[in-house]
Amino acid sequence: MTAAQDTATLIDHVHHLECLVCGSRYAPDEIDYLCPDHGDDGILDVVYDYELIASRLSPSSLAHDRDHSMWRYRPLLPVGSQVPLPPLRVGWTPLYDARRLAAELGLQRLWVKDEGVQPTGSLKDRASAMAVVKAQERGAQVVATASTGNAAAALAGVAASVGQPTVILVPATAPEAKVAQLLAYGATVLLVEGSYGDAFSLSMRAADRFGWYVRNTGVNPYMSEGKKTTAYEIAEQLGWQAPDVVTVGVGDGCIIGGLHKGFRDLHALGWIDRIPRLVGVQAAGSDYLAQAWEGDEDIVSKPAINAATVADSISAGLPADRIKALRAVTDTGGAYVRVTDEQILAAVPVLARGCGVFAEPAAAAAYAGLSRAIEQGVVGADETTVVLATGTGLKDVPSAMRAIGDADIRALHVVPDLDALAEALDEPPSTERQ
């Protein structure tokens, strides 16, 4: 029996893996990534034995669990009970009651989920934590991914916490600051002379040749399983009352697909009485899924588009997890909305001032999209809504500075004198204290 097969016997709550294209079923130890009959389109879904899970986990048992991380939901995750978990605390991010923002938008109830407080600053830590655990289950010597942004940082950071070697392939044009972060975590970074697509293709070929474990979104079915824990937390933090709507920025589609999976799990267990409508927000310059949803297009055969947006974390010409991403909206009666780069940048200071969450453009897009969805009648004033802010604004300080400049927000220059300070503040000087 192989190490993978031995581990599989400990994950008895996973029933099978199922191809989203043809419905073919595979045992968890039978296949690692994609359905062999459909190439890169053969994305798999993890199917669970909910009856068995319900006998091991419940809202009442969670209420007494002091593990405030994503691993509090371990019986609902595809990991063995004996596999050690990374020490970094990933998950259980705050859900803020954004009353002032709600009032500005004319909503009764609005919550903001802040993923920017994750160890490396984005929701993608959840998927990377899962990737590291699955790699260790298989005894993989190296975990690899192709990325230029949050996914790469997340993998490098979580892997560093357990001493897991990583290889990350990025386009040679990647920002130096992002490459520096990867190197600081100890990742082996390969600068590929070409596009992200070239780096992705090379990572897959290299993984096959050298036996690396692949974290790539849209290839590894377990990445959605890590990200779905966001939905669990939203439901639990709201007292197991599902919100009516969740808005989230969408690029490759793995996050919105993970949200859908998480809420479906909870509904199947009877822990929530409905699945929220999911509203995917896309930049106008990277609107592959919005096009497909509006035109009822075949998501498998639809060709790539030319994508360009200031929100680089949701820029995707051909979303890798497009099948799950489209299903998340259609199955929940949700929608896709577009926002311009200007609207995305304008949302950065609005979100920060309105509830204290400093978000990168891809994360602020979820708030900009909510405003647009309200205008279009997609979201009603009486609906409980959650905005999922997927990453910290510290990921992209130049864009934050641009957003501040566009909003004509500036610092005030003063000499070290109280009267000058008062004048700068447009206030008359007060009488000096005696």
Protein backbone atom coordinates (compact mmCIF):
# COMPACT_ATOMS: atom_id res chain seq x y z
CA MET A 1 0.00 0.00 0.00
CA THR A 2 1.36 3.43 -0.95
CA ALA A 3 1.56 6.36 1.47
CA ALA A 4 -1.30 8.02 -0.40
CA GLN A 5 -3.43 4.88 -0.16
CA ASP A 6 -2.64 4.49 3.53
CA THR A 7 -3.67 8.11 4.14
CA ALA A 8 -6.84 7.67 2.11
CA THR A 9 -8.03 4.96 4.49
CA LEU A 10 -7.99 7.60 7.25
CA ILE A 11 -10.16 10.03 5.24
CA ASP A 12 -13.29 7.92 5.33
CA HIS A 13 -15.63 10.92 5.15
CA VAL A 14 -14.56 11.65 1.56
CA HIS A 15 -16.81 9.55 -0.67
CA HIS A 16 -15.24 10.20 -4.08
CA LEU A 17 -13.90 12.77 -6.54
CA GLU A 18 -16.27 13.71 -9.38
CA CYS A 19 -15.49 15.27 -12.77
CA LEU A 20 -17.55 18.41 -13.36
CA VAL A 21 -17.56 17.81 -17.13
CA CYS A 22 -18.60 14.17 -17.48
CA GLY A 23 -19.55 13.10 -13.96
CA SER A 24 -16.96 10.32 -13.80
CA ARG A 25 -16.14 9.25 -10.24
CA TYR A 26 -12.75 8.42 -8.80
CA ALA A 27 -11.55 7.14 -5.45
CA PRO A 28 -9.48 9.75 -3.59
CA ASP A 29 -6.33 7.64 -3.93
CA GLU A 30 -6.98 6.95 -7.62
CA ILE A 31 -6.24 10.39 -9.04
CA ASP A 32 -4.47 13.56 -7.91
CA TYR A 33 -5.62 16.38 -10.14
CA LEU A 34 -7.78 16.30 -13.28
CA CYS A 35 -10.15 13.85 -14.96
CA PRO A 36 -7.94 12.08 -17.53
CA ASP A 37 -10.68 12.20 -20.16
CA HIS A 38 -10.88 15.99 -20.33
CA GLY A 39 -7.38 17.40 -20.00
CA ASP A 40 -7.17 20.82 -18.39
CA ASP A 41 -10.98 21.11 -18.34
CA GLY A 42 -11.51 18.00 -16.23
CA ILE A 43 -11.81 19.78 -12.89
CA LEU A 44 -12.79 17.55 -10.00
CA ASP A 45 -15.09 18.13 -7.04
CA VAL A 46 -14.68 16.45 -3.66
CA VAL A 47 -17.85 14.64 -2.59
CA TYR A 48 -18.43 13.87 1.11
CA ASP A 49 -20.33 11.44 3.30
CA TYR A 50 -22.43 14.01 5.17
CA GLU A 51 -24.13 11.44 7.37
CA LEU A 52 -20.77 10.32 8.72
CA ILE A 53 -19.60 13.91 9.16
CA ALA A 54 -22.78 14.80 11.06
CA SER A 55 -21.98 12.06 13.56
CA ARG A 56 -18.62 13.69 14.31
CA LEU A 57 -19.24 17.43 14.11
CA SER A 58 -22.09 19.81 14.91
CA PRO A 59 -22.67 23.51 15.61
CA SER A 60 -22.86 22.71 19.32
CA SER A 61 -19.52 20.89 19.34
CA LEU A 62 -17.93 23.75 17.42
CA ALA A 63 -19.20 26.19 20.03
CA HIS A 64 -16.84 24.53 22.53
CA ASP A 65 -13.87 24.26 20.16
CA ARG A 66 -11.05 26.62 21.12
CA ASP A 67 -9.16 26.07 17.86
CA HIS A 68 -9.90 29.35 16.13
CA SER A 69 -8.44 28.49 12.75
CA MET A 70 -9.70 26.88 9.56
CA TRP A 71 -8.80 23.49 11.05
CA ARG A 72 -11.70 23.68 13.54
CA TYR A 73 -13.66 22.26 10.57
CA ARG A 74 -11.24 19.38 10.03
CA PRO A 75 -14.00 16.70 9.91
CA LEU A 76 -15.41 18.60 6.92
CA LEU A 77 -12.06 18.79 5.13
CA PRO A 78 -10.29 16.21 2.95
CA VAL A 79 -7.38 15.60 5.32
CA GLY A 80 -6.39 12.60 7.37
CA SER A 81 -6.80 12.68 11.12
CA GLN A 82 -3.14 11.78 11.70
CA VAL A 83 -1.49 14.35 9.44
CA PRO A 84 0.20 17.24 11.30
CA LEU A 85 -1.13 20.71 10.52
CA PRO A 86 0.89 23.86 9.77
CA PRO A 87 1.53 26.00 12.87
CA LEU A 88 0.51 29.29 11.24
CA ARG A 89 -3.00 30.31 12.30
CA VAL A 90 -4.88 30.41 9.03
CA GLY A 91 -8.56 31.30 9.12
CA TRP A 92 -11.12 32.57 11.62
CA THR A 93 -10.78 36.08 10.22
CA PRO A 94 -13.02 38.84 11.58
CA LEU A 95 -16.50 39.62 10.27
CA TYR A 96 -17.26 43.29 10.87
CA ASP A 97 -20.70 44.85 11.25
CA ALA A 98 -20.32 47.72 8.73
CA ARG A 99 -23.23 49.90 9.82
CA ARG A 100 -21.98 53.17 8.38
CA LEU A 101 -21.34 51.62 4.99
CA ALA A 102 -24.76 49.98 5.14
CA ALA A 103 -26.37 53.36 5.73
CA GLU A 104 -24.47 54.90 2.81
CA LEU A 105 -25.68 52.13 0.51
CA GLY A 106 -29.22 52.10 1.85
CA LEU A 107 -28.87 48.59 3.28
CA GLN A 108 -30.22 47.40 6.61
CA ARG A 109 -27.41 44.92 7.31
CA LEU A 110 -23.91 44.77 5.84
CA TRP A 111 -20.93 42.76 7.02
CA VAL A 112 -17.32 42.83 5.81
CA LYS A 113 -15.15 39.72 6.10
CA ASP A 114 -11.50 40.79 6.33
CA GLU A 115 -9.10 38.23 4.87
CA GLY A 116 -6.27 40.75 4.88
CA VAL A 117 -5.35 39.64 8.41
CA GLN A 118 -4.24 36.18 7.25
CA PRO A 119 -0.54 35.34 7.84
CA THR A 120 0.54 36.43 4.36
CA GLY A 121 -2.29 38.90 3.88
CA SER A 122 -4.84 37.12 1.70
CA LEU A 123 -7.53 34.46 1.63
CA LYS A 124 -5.23 32.28 -0.46
CA ASP A 125 -3.47 31.20 2.72
CA ARG A 126 -6.43 28.84 3.18
CA ALA A 127 -5.76 27.01 -0.08
CA SER A 128 -2.02 26.97 0.49
CA ALA A 129 -2.42 25.50 3.97
CA MET A 130 -4.48 22.74 2.37
CA ALA A 131 -1.87 22.24 -0.35
CA VAL A 132 0.93 21.83 2.19
CA VAL A 133 -1.07 19.28 4.19
CA LYS A 134 -1.99 17.27 1.07
CA ALA A 135 1.64 17.34 -0.07
CA GLN A 136 2.77 15.97 3.27
CA GLU A 137 0.11 13.27 3.12
CA ARG A 138 1.66 12.12 -0.12
CA GLY A 139 5.22 12.44 1.10
CA ALA A 140 6.00 14.99 -1.61
CA GLN A 141 9.46 16.49 -1.39
CA VAL A 142 8.51 19.72 -3.18
CA VAL A 143 5.33 21.78 -3.63
CA ALA A 144 5.17 23.90 -6.76
CA THR A 145 2.95 26.57 -8.22
CA ALA A 146 2.89 29.17 -10.97
CA SER A 147 1.88 32.61 -9.78
CA THR A 148 2.90 36.22 -9.54
CA GLY A 149 0.86 37.30 -6.54
CA ASN A 150 -1.07 36.17 -3.51
CA ALA A 151 -1.07 32.45 -4.24
CA ALA A 152 2.72 32.40 -4.49
CA ALA A 153 3.17 34.37 -1.26
CA ALA A 154 0.66 32.16 0.53
CA LEU A 155 2.36 28.95 -0.52
CA ALA A 156 5.83 30.24 0.29
CA GLY A 157 4.74 31.45 3.73
CA VAL A 158 2.78 28.41 4.85
CA ALA A 159 5.43 26.04 3.49
CA ALA A 160 8.14 27.95 5.35
CA SER A 161 6.29 27.36 8.63
CA VAL A 162 6.81 23.60 8.27
CA GLY A 163 10.11 23.61 6.38
CA GLN A 164 8.50 22.33 3.18
CA PRO A 165 10.59 23.09 0.07
CA THR A 166 8.74 25.02 -2.62
CA VAL A 167 9.39 25.93 -6.24
CA ILE A 168 7.52 28.93 -7.61
CA LEU A 169 7.53 29.89 -11.27
CA VAL A 170 6.77 33.50 -12.10
CA PRO A 171 6.99 35.57 -15.27
CA ALA A 172 10.27 37.47 -15.47
CA THR A 173 8.22 40.68 -15.51
CA ALA A 174 6.85 40.04 -12.00
CA PRO A 175 7.21 43.03 -9.61
CA GLU A 176 10.47 42.93 -7.67
CA ALA A 177 8.68 43.43 -4.35
CA LYS A 178 6.62 40.30 -4.85
CA VAL A 179 9.66 38.28 -5.87
CA ALA A 180 11.49 39.56 -2.78
CA GLN A 181 8.69 38.29 -0.52
CA LEU A 182 8.96 34.82 -2.04
CA LEU A 183 12.72 34.77 -1.63
CA ALA A 184 12.43 35.94 1.98
CA TYR A 185 10.27 32.90 2.75
CA GLY A 186 12.94 30.64 1.28
CA ALA A 187 11.15 29.58 -1.90
CA THR A 188 13.10 28.60 -4.98
CA VAL A 189 11.92 31.21 -7.47
CA LEU A 190 12.26 30.68 -11.21
CA LEU A 191 11.79 33.74 -13.43
CA VAL A 192 10.25 32.49 -16.67
CA GLU A 193 10.88 34.46 -19.85
CA GLY A 194 7.26 34.60 -20.98
CA SER A 195 3.70 35.07 -19.79
CA TYR A 196 1.90 33.68 -16.75
CA GLY A 197 0.47 31.04 -19.09
CA ASP A 198 4.01 30.00 -20.04
CA ALA A 199 4.95 29.76 -16.36
CA PHE A 200 1.83 27.73 -15.61
CA SER A 201 2.47 25.29 -18.45
CA LEU A 202 6.11 24.87 -17.45
CA SER A 203 5.16 24.27 -13.81
CA MET A 204 2.84 21.43 -14.80
CA ARG A 205 5.42 19.78 -17.07
CA ALA A 206 8.12 20.15 -14.43
CA ALA A 207 5.91 18.73 -11.71
CA ASP A 208 5.19 15.70 -13.85
CA ARG A 209 8.88 15.14 -14.56
CA PHE A 210 10.27 15.79 -11.08
CA GLY A 211 7.40 14.48 -8.96
CA TRP A 212 6.45 17.81 -7.39
CA TYR A 213 3.07 18.31 -5.76
CA VAL A 214 1.08 21.01 -7.61
CA ARG A 215 -0.85 23.78 -5.86
CA ASN A 216 -2.15 25.38 -9.07
CA THR A 217 -5.74 26.64 -8.95
CA GLY A 218 -8.08 24.89 -11.37
CA VAL A 219 -5.85 21.83 -11.43
CA ASN A 220 -5.74 20.79 -7.78
CA PRO A 221 -9.31 20.02 -6.60
CA TYR A 222 -8.38 20.55 -2.97
CA MET A 223 -7.75 24.28 -3.33
CA SER A 224 -11.51 24.93 -3.31
CA GLU A 225 -11.73 22.82 -0.17
CA GLY A 226 -9.36 25.15 1.65
CA LYS A 227 -11.13 28.28 0.48
CA LYS A 228 -14.59 26.95 1.35
CA THR A 229 -13.79 27.38 5.05
CA THR A 230 -14.53 31.09 4.53
CA ALA A 231 -18.20 30.16 4.05
CA TYR A 232 -18.17 28.07 7.23
CA GLU A 233 -16.86 31.01 9.22
CA ILE A 234 -19.37 33.46 7.79
CA ALA A 235 -22.23 31.16 8.75
CA GLU A 236 -20.87 30.41 12.21
CA GLN A 237 -20.03 34.05 12.95
CA LEU A 238 -23.61 34.98 12.03
CA GLY A 239 -25.01 32.40 14.45
CA TRP A 240 -25.63 29.82 11.71
CA GLN A 241 -27.94 32.26 9.93
CA ALA A 242 -26.86 32.35 6.29
CA PRO A 243 -26.71 35.82 4.75
CA ASP A 244 -28.89 36.56 1.75
CA VAL A 245 -26.02 37.68 -0.48
CA VAL A 246 -22.22 37.44 -0.58
CA THR A 247 -20.21 39.59 -3.00
CA VAL A 248 -16.64 38.71 -3.98
CA GLY A 249 -14.11 39.70 -6.60
CA VAL A 250 -13.57 36.97 -9.21
CA GLY A 251 -10.53 36.18 -11.33
CA ASP A 252 -9.61 32.50 -11.70
CA GLY A 253 -12.86 31.60 -9.93
CA CYS A 254 -11.57 29.38 -7.14
CA ILE A 255 -12.73 31.61 -4.28
CA ILE A 256 -16.34 31.98 -5.42
CA GLY A 257 -16.37 28.26 -6.22
CA GLY A 258 -15.09 27.54 -2.73
CA LEU A 259 -17.77 29.75 -1.16
CA HIS A 260 -20.43 27.84 -3.06
CA LYS A 261 -19.01 24.52 -1.94
CA GLY A 262 -18.84 25.60 1.69
CA PHE A 263 -22.42 26.82 1.83
CA ARG A 264 -23.59 23.66 0.02
CA ASP A 265 -21.86 21.55 2.65
CA LEU A 266 -23.60 23.40 5.47
CA HIS A 267 -26.99 23.20 3.76
CA ALA A 268 -26.56 19.46 3.16
CA LEU A 269 -25.82 19.03 6.86
CA GLY A 270 -28.90 21.07 7.79
CA TRP A 271 -26.84 23.72 9.62
CA ILE A 272 -28.20 26.58 7.47
CA ASP A 273 -31.66 26.85 5.94
CA ARG A 274 -30.62 28.34 2.61
CA ILE A 275 -27.60 28.94 0.37
CA PRO A 276 -26.81 32.64 -0.13
CA ARG A 277 -26.94 34.19 -3.58
CA LEU A 278 -23.37 34.66 -4.76
CA VAL A 279 -22.53 37.82 -6.70
CA GLY A 280 -19.26 37.61 -8.58
CA VAL A 281 -17.59 40.94 -9.27
CA GLN A 282 -15.32 41.24 -12.29
CA ALA A 283 -13.22 44.10 -13.55
CA ALA A 284 -14.56 45.45 -16.85
CA GLY A 285 -11.19 44.64 -18.41
CA SER A 286 -11.24 41.03 -17.19
CA ASP A 287 -14.87 39.94 -17.54
CA TYR A 288 -14.65 36.43 -18.97
CA LEU A 289 -17.19 34.98 -16.54
CA ALA A 290 -19.55 37.95 -16.76
CA GLN A 291 -19.61 37.45 -20.54
CA ALA A 292 -20.26 33.73 -20.19
CA TRP A 293 -23.04 34.26 -17.63
CA GLU A 294 -24.80 36.97 -19.61
CA GLY A 295 -24.56 35.11 -22.91
CA ASP A 296 -25.24 31.62 -21.51
CA GLU A 297 -22.03 30.50 -23.20
CA ASP A 298 -20.36 27.09 -23.02
CA ILE A 299 -17.83 27.65 -20.27
CA VAL A 300 -15.66 24.75 -21.43
CA SER A 301 -15.27 25.81 -25.07
CA LYS A 302 -15.31 29.61 -24.63
CA PRO A 303 -11.86 30.91 -25.67
CA ALA A 304 -9.65 33.14 -23.58
CA ILE A 305 -10.00 36.91 -23.64
CA ASN A 306 -7.38 39.64 -23.33
CA ALA A 307 -7.48 40.63 -19.66
CA ALA A 308 -6.15 43.89 -18.24
CA THR A 309 -7.08 45.56 -14.95
CA VAL A 310 -5.49 47.44 -12.06
CA ALA A 311 -6.83 44.65 -9.84
CA ASP A 312 -4.13 42.17 -10.83
CA SER A 313 -5.33 39.49 -8.39
CA ILE A 314 -8.59 39.12 -10.35
CA SER A 315 -7.09 39.46 -13.82
CA ALA A 316 -7.64 36.23 -15.76
CA GLY A 317 -7.99 35.81 -19.51
CA LEU A 318 -9.07 32.19 -19.09
CA PRO A 319 -10.21 31.51 -15.50
CA ALA A 320 -8.76 28.19 -14.38
CA ASP A 321 -11.72 27.35 -12.13
CA ARG A 322 -14.35 28.73 -14.50
CA ILE A 323 -16.69 25.72 -14.27
CA LYS A 324 -17.06 26.01 -10.50
CA ALA A 325 -17.19 29.81 -10.72
CA LEU A 326 -20.07 29.89 -13.18
CA ARG A 327 -21.96 27.17 -11.33
CA ALA A 328 -21.62 29.14 -8.08
CA VAL A 329 -23.65 31.98 -9.55
CA THR A 330 -26.16 30.04 -11.64
CA ASP A 331 -26.98 27.50 -8.93
CA THR A 332 -27.59 30.16 -6.27
CA GLY A 333 -29.59 32.58 -8.41
CA GLY A 334 -26.79 35.10 -8.13
CA ALA A 335 -25.22 37.31 -10.76
CA TYR A 336 -22.02 38.61 -12.25
CA VAL A 337 -21.48 42.36 -12.29
CA ARG A 338 -18.75 44.49 -13.87
CA VAL A 339 -16.94 47.42 -12.34
CA THR A 340 -14.41 49.74 -13.92
CA ASP A 341 -10.89 50.22 -12.64
CA GLU A 342 -11.91 53.70 -11.54
CA GLN A 343 -14.78 52.27 -9.48
CA ILE A 344 -12.46 49.66 -7.96
CA LEU A 345 -9.89 52.25 -6.91
CA ALA A 346 -12.57 54.56 -5.54
CA ALA A 347 -13.77 51.72 -3.32
CA VAL A 348 -10.38 51.38 -1.58
CA PRO A 349 -10.64 54.54 0.59
CA VAL A 350 -14.42 54.20 0.95
CA LEU A 351 -14.05 50.74 2.46
CA ALA A 352 -11.12 51.81 4.63
CA ARG A 353 -12.91 54.87 6.01
CA GLY A 354 -16.26 53.16 6.34
CA CYS A 355 -15.22 50.14 8.41
CA GLY A 356 -11.44 50.22 8.85
CA VAL A 357 -10.63 47.48 6.33
CA PHE A 358 -7.72 48.44 4.05
CA ALA A 359 -8.15 46.31 0.94
CA GLU A 360 -6.14 45.76 -2.20
CA PRO A 361 -7.98 46.56 -5.47
CA ALA A 362 -9.14 42.96 -6.06
CA ALA A 363 -10.66 42.92 -2.58
CA ALA A 364 -12.18 46.41 -2.82
CA ALA A 365 -13.82 45.26 -6.07
CA ALA A 366 -16.28 43.27 -3.95
CA TYR A 367 -17.54 46.51 -2.37
CA ALA A 368 -17.60 48.37 -5.69
CA GLY A 369 -19.56 45.45 -7.11
CA LEU A 370 -22.07 45.57 -4.26
CA SER A 371 -22.78 49.21 -5.06
CA ARG A 372 -23.27 48.28 -8.70
CA ALA A 373 -25.49 45.31 -7.79
CA ILE A 374 -27.71 47.57 -5.72
CA GLU A 375 -28.06 49.98 -8.64
CA GLN A 376 -29.05 47.08 -10.90
CA GLY A 377 -31.59 45.72 -8.43
CA VAL A 378 -29.60 42.55 -7.85
CA VAL A 379 -29.37 43.23 -4.09
CA GLY A 380 -32.30 44.58 -2.09
CA ALA A 381 -32.19 47.02 0.81
CA ASP A 382 -33.65 44.50 3.26
CA GLU A 383 -31.12 41.73 2.51
CA THR A 384 -28.29 40.76 4.81
CA THR A 385 -25.15 41.09 2.70
CA VAL A 386 -21.51 40.11 3.21
CA VAL A 387 -18.64 41.71 1.33
CA LEU A 388 -15.64 39.39 1.16
CA ALA A 389 -12.44 41.48 1.22
CA THR A 390 -9.89 38.94 0.02
CA GLY A 391 -6.56 40.69 0.62
CA THR A 392 -4.83 43.56 2.40
CA GLY A 393 -4.12 46.89 0.75
CA LEU A 394 -0.49 46.46 1.75
CA LYS A 395 -0.26 44.01 -1.15
CA ASP A 396 -0.46 46.91 -3.59
CA VAL A 397 0.55 50.22 -2.05
CA PRO A 398 1.05 52.00 -5.42
CA SER A 399 -2.60 51.34 -6.30
CA ALA A 400 -3.67 52.59 -2.88
CA MET A 401 -1.72 55.80 -3.46
CA ARG A 402 -3.36 56.17 -6.86
CA ALA A 403 -6.79 55.65 -5.30
CA ILE A 404 -6.07 58.32 -2.69
CA GLY A 405 -4.87 60.72 -5.36
CA ASP A 406 -7.92 60.11 -7.53
CA ALA A 407 -10.14 60.89 -4.53
CA ASP A 408 -8.14 64.12 -3.91
CA ILE A 409 -7.19 62.96 -0.43
CA ARG A 410 -3.92 64.53 0.67
CA ALA A 411 -1.75 65.10 3.67
CA LEU A 412 -1.44 68.61 5.12
CA HIS A 413 1.94 70.33 5.39
CA VAL A 414 2.54 72.52 8.42
CA VAL A 415 5.41 74.18 10.23
CA PRO A 416 5.85 73.24 13.89
CA ASP A 417 3.53 75.96 15.19
CA LEU A 418 0.06 75.61 16.78
CA ASP A 419 -1.42 78.59 14.96
CA ALA A 420 -0.15 77.26 11.64
CA LEU A 421 -1.61 73.86 12.49
CA ALA A 422 -4.97 75.40 13.33
CA GLU A 423 -4.93 77.36 10.08
CA ALA A 424 -4.16 74.22 8.13
CA LEU A 425 -7.15 72.58 9.77
CA ASP A 426 -9.32 75.58 8.82
CA GLU A 427 -9.98 76.27 12.51
CA PRO A 428 -9.41 79.52 14.40
CA PRO A 429 -6.55 79.37 16.90
CA SER A 430 -7.78 78.58 20.40
CA THR A 431 -6.67 80.38 23.54
CA GLU A 432 -3.46 78.86 24.82
CA ARG A 433 -3.89 76.95 28.04
CA GLN A 434 -2.57 78.68 31.14
